[in-house]
Amino acid sequence: MILDFDPGDKVINPLNKEWGIGQVQSIINEKVTVNFENVGKKVINANIIELKKIYNE
């Protein structure tokens, strides 16, 4: 699996849109740490949940 994220990228979790927009903090293997505006920091397993990158805000 190749993740197309870099720290600082904005993403959403399509399965939990109420979390709001998140900013990628770090990526270690398949674990993506994201700071979401409504729920704070979450560690996402990219093998299970497919985050969507936001290109234009």
N, C-alpha and C. Protein backbone atom coordinates (compact mmCIF):
# COMPACT_ATOMS: atom_id res chain seq x y z
N MET A 1 0.84 -1.18 0.00
CA MET A 1 0.00 0.00 0.00
C MET A 1 0.88 1.25 0.00
N ILE A 2 0.56 2.17 -0.88
CA ILE A 2 1.28 3.44 -0.95
C ILE A 2 0.32 4.53 -0.50
N LEU A 3 0.72 5.26 0.53
CA LEU A 3 -0.12 6.34 1.04
C LEU A 3 0.31 7.65 0.40
N ASP A 4 -0.66 8.37 -0.12
CA ASP A 4 -0.40 9.64 -0.80
C ASP A 4 -0.66 10.81 0.14
N PHE A 5 -0.07 10.74 1.35
CA PHE A 5 -0.23 11.80 2.33
C PHE A 5 1.13 12.26 2.79
N ASP A 6 1.19 13.53 3.16
CA ASP A 6 2.37 14.11 3.78
C ASP A 6 1.89 14.87 5.02
N PRO A 7 2.75 15.00 6.03
CA PRO A 7 2.37 15.82 7.17
C PRO A 7 1.94 17.22 6.71
N GLY A 8 0.83 17.67 7.28
CA GLY A 8 0.28 18.96 6.90
C GLY A 8 -0.89 18.87 5.94
N ASP A 9 -1.03 17.73 5.25
CA ASP A 9 -2.16 17.55 4.33
C ASP A 9 -3.47 17.55 5.10
N LYS A 10 -4.51 18.08 4.46
CA LYS A 10 -5.86 18.08 5.02
C LYS A 10 -6.61 16.88 4.48
N VAL A 11 -7.34 16.19 5.39
CA VAL A 11 -8.07 14.98 5.02
C VAL A 11 -9.41 14.95 5.73
N ILE A 12 -10.28 14.05 5.25
CA ILE A 12 -11.52 13.73 5.97
C ILE A 12 -11.60 12.21 6.07
N ASN A 13 -12.33 11.75 7.07
CA ASN A 13 -12.63 10.34 7.21
C ASN A 13 -14.06 10.16 6.70
N PRO A 14 -14.23 9.56 5.52
CA PRO A 14 -15.58 9.44 4.94
C PRO A 14 -16.56 8.66 5.82
N LEU A 15 -16.05 7.79 6.70
CA LEU A 15 -16.92 7.01 7.58
C LEU A 15 -17.35 7.80 8.81
N ASN A 16 -16.65 8.89 9.10
CA ASN A 16 -16.95 9.73 10.27
C ASN A 16 -16.82 11.20 9.88
N LYS A 17 -17.66 11.65 8.98
CA LYS A 17 -17.56 13.03 8.50
C LYS A 17 -17.78 14.05 9.60
N GLU A 18 -18.50 13.64 10.68
CA GLU A 18 -18.74 14.56 11.79
C GLU A 18 -17.45 14.92 12.54
N TRP A 19 -16.37 14.16 12.30
CA TRP A 19 -15.07 14.49 12.90
C TRP A 19 -14.53 15.80 12.34
N GLY A 20 -14.98 16.19 11.17
CA GLY A 20 -14.52 17.41 10.54
C GLY A 20 -13.25 17.20 9.75
N ILE A 21 -12.64 18.29 9.36
CA ILE A 21 -11.40 18.25 8.58
C ILE A 21 -10.24 17.94 9.53
N GLY A 22 -9.36 17.08 9.07
CA GLY A 22 -8.19 16.74 9.87
C GLY A 22 -6.91 17.13 9.16
N GLN A 23 -5.87 17.32 9.95
CA GLN A 23 -4.55 17.61 9.40
C GLN A 23 -3.62 16.46 9.77
N VAL A 24 -2.97 15.88 8.75
CA VAL A 24 -2.05 14.78 8.98
C VAL A 24 -0.86 15.27 9.80
N GLN A 25 -0.58 14.57 10.90
CA GLN A 25 0.53 14.91 11.78
C GLN A 25 1.76 14.06 11.47
N SER A 26 1.54 12.74 11.30
CA SER A 26 2.65 11.84 11.02
C SER A 26 2.14 10.58 10.33
N ILE A 27 3.06 9.89 9.67
CA ILE A 27 2.75 8.64 8.99
C ILE A 27 3.87 7.66 9.32
N ILE A 28 3.51 6.56 9.97
CA ILE A 28 4.47 5.50 10.29
C ILE A 28 3.87 4.20 9.82
N ASN A 29 4.47 3.64 8.77
CA ASN A 29 3.93 2.45 8.11
C ASN A 29 2.50 2.73 7.68
N GLU A 30 1.52 1.94 8.13
CA GLU A 30 0.14 2.18 7.72
C GLU A 30 -0.63 3.02 8.73
N LYS A 31 0.04 3.50 9.78
CA LYS A 31 -0.62 4.30 10.81
C LYS A 31 -0.47 5.79 10.50
N VAL A 32 -1.61 6.45 10.34
CA VAL A 32 -1.63 7.88 10.02
C VAL A 32 -2.23 8.61 11.22
N THR A 33 -1.45 9.48 11.83
CA THR A 33 -1.96 10.28 12.96
C THR A 33 -2.51 11.58 12.39
N VAL A 34 -3.79 11.83 12.72
CA VAL A 34 -4.50 12.99 12.18
C VAL A 34 -5.13 13.76 13.33
N ASN A 35 -5.00 15.07 13.30
CA ASN A 35 -5.65 15.93 14.28
C ASN A 35 -6.93 16.49 13.64
N PHE A 36 -8.09 15.96 14.07
CA PHE A 36 -9.38 16.38 13.52
C PHE A 36 -9.94 17.55 14.32
N GLU A 37 -10.64 18.45 13.63
CA GLU A 37 -11.13 19.67 14.27
C GLU A 37 -12.18 19.41 15.34
N ASN A 38 -12.97 18.34 15.23
CA ASN A 38 -14.06 18.12 16.18
C ASN A 38 -13.78 17.04 17.23
N VAL A 39 -12.78 16.18 17.01
CA VAL A 39 -12.53 15.08 17.95
C VAL A 39 -11.08 14.97 18.38
N GLY A 40 -10.24 15.85 17.88
CA GLY A 40 -8.83 15.83 18.28
C GLY A 40 -8.02 14.78 17.53
N LYS A 41 -6.97 14.32 18.17
CA LYS A 41 -5.99 13.46 17.52
C LYS A 41 -6.48 12.01 17.47
N LYS A 42 -6.39 11.41 16.30
CA LYS A 42 -6.76 10.00 16.09
C LYS A 42 -5.64 9.33 15.29
N VAL A 43 -5.38 8.07 15.63
CA VAL A 43 -4.44 7.26 14.84
C VAL A 43 -5.28 6.35 13.98
N ILE A 44 -5.13 6.50 12.67
CA ILE A 44 -5.94 5.77 11.69
C ILE A 44 -5.10 4.68 11.06
N ASN A 45 -5.63 3.46 11.03
CA ASN A 45 -4.99 2.37 10.31
C ASN A 45 -5.44 2.46 8.86
N ALA A 46 -4.54 2.85 7.97
CA ALA A 46 -4.89 3.08 6.57
C ALA A 46 -5.23 1.79 5.83
N ASN A 47 -4.93 0.63 6.43
CA ASN A 47 -5.35 -0.64 5.83
C ASN A 47 -6.85 -0.87 6.03
N ILE A 48 -7.43 -0.19 7.02
CA ILE A 48 -8.84 -0.40 7.35
C ILE A 48 -9.71 0.78 6.90
N ILE A 49 -9.22 2.00 7.13
CA ILE A 49 -9.99 3.22 6.82
C ILE A 49 -9.26 4.01 5.75
N GLU A 50 -9.97 4.33 4.69
CA GLU A 50 -9.38 5.09 3.59
C GLU A 50 -9.71 6.57 3.77
N LEU A 51 -8.70 7.33 4.17
CA LEU A 51 -8.86 8.77 4.30
C LEU A 51 -8.91 9.41 2.92
N LYS A 52 -9.63 10.50 2.81
CA LYS A 52 -9.71 11.25 1.55
C LYS A 52 -8.99 12.58 1.70
N LYS A 53 -8.06 12.82 0.81
CA LYS A 53 -7.31 14.07 0.84
C LYS A 53 -8.18 15.20 0.30
N ILE A 54 -8.07 16.37 0.94
CA ILE A 54 -8.77 17.57 0.48
C ILE A 54 -7.76 18.41 -0.28
N TYR A 55 -8.04 18.64 -1.55
CA TYR A 55 -7.09 19.38 -2.39
C TYR A 55 -7.35 20.87 -2.37
N ASN A 56 -8.62 21.28 -2.33
CA ASN A 56 -8.96 22.71 -2.33
C ASN A 56 -9.96 22.94 -1.21
N GLU A 57 -9.68 23.89 -0.36
CA GLU A 57 -10.60 24.20 0.74
C GLU A 57 -11.55 25.30 0.35
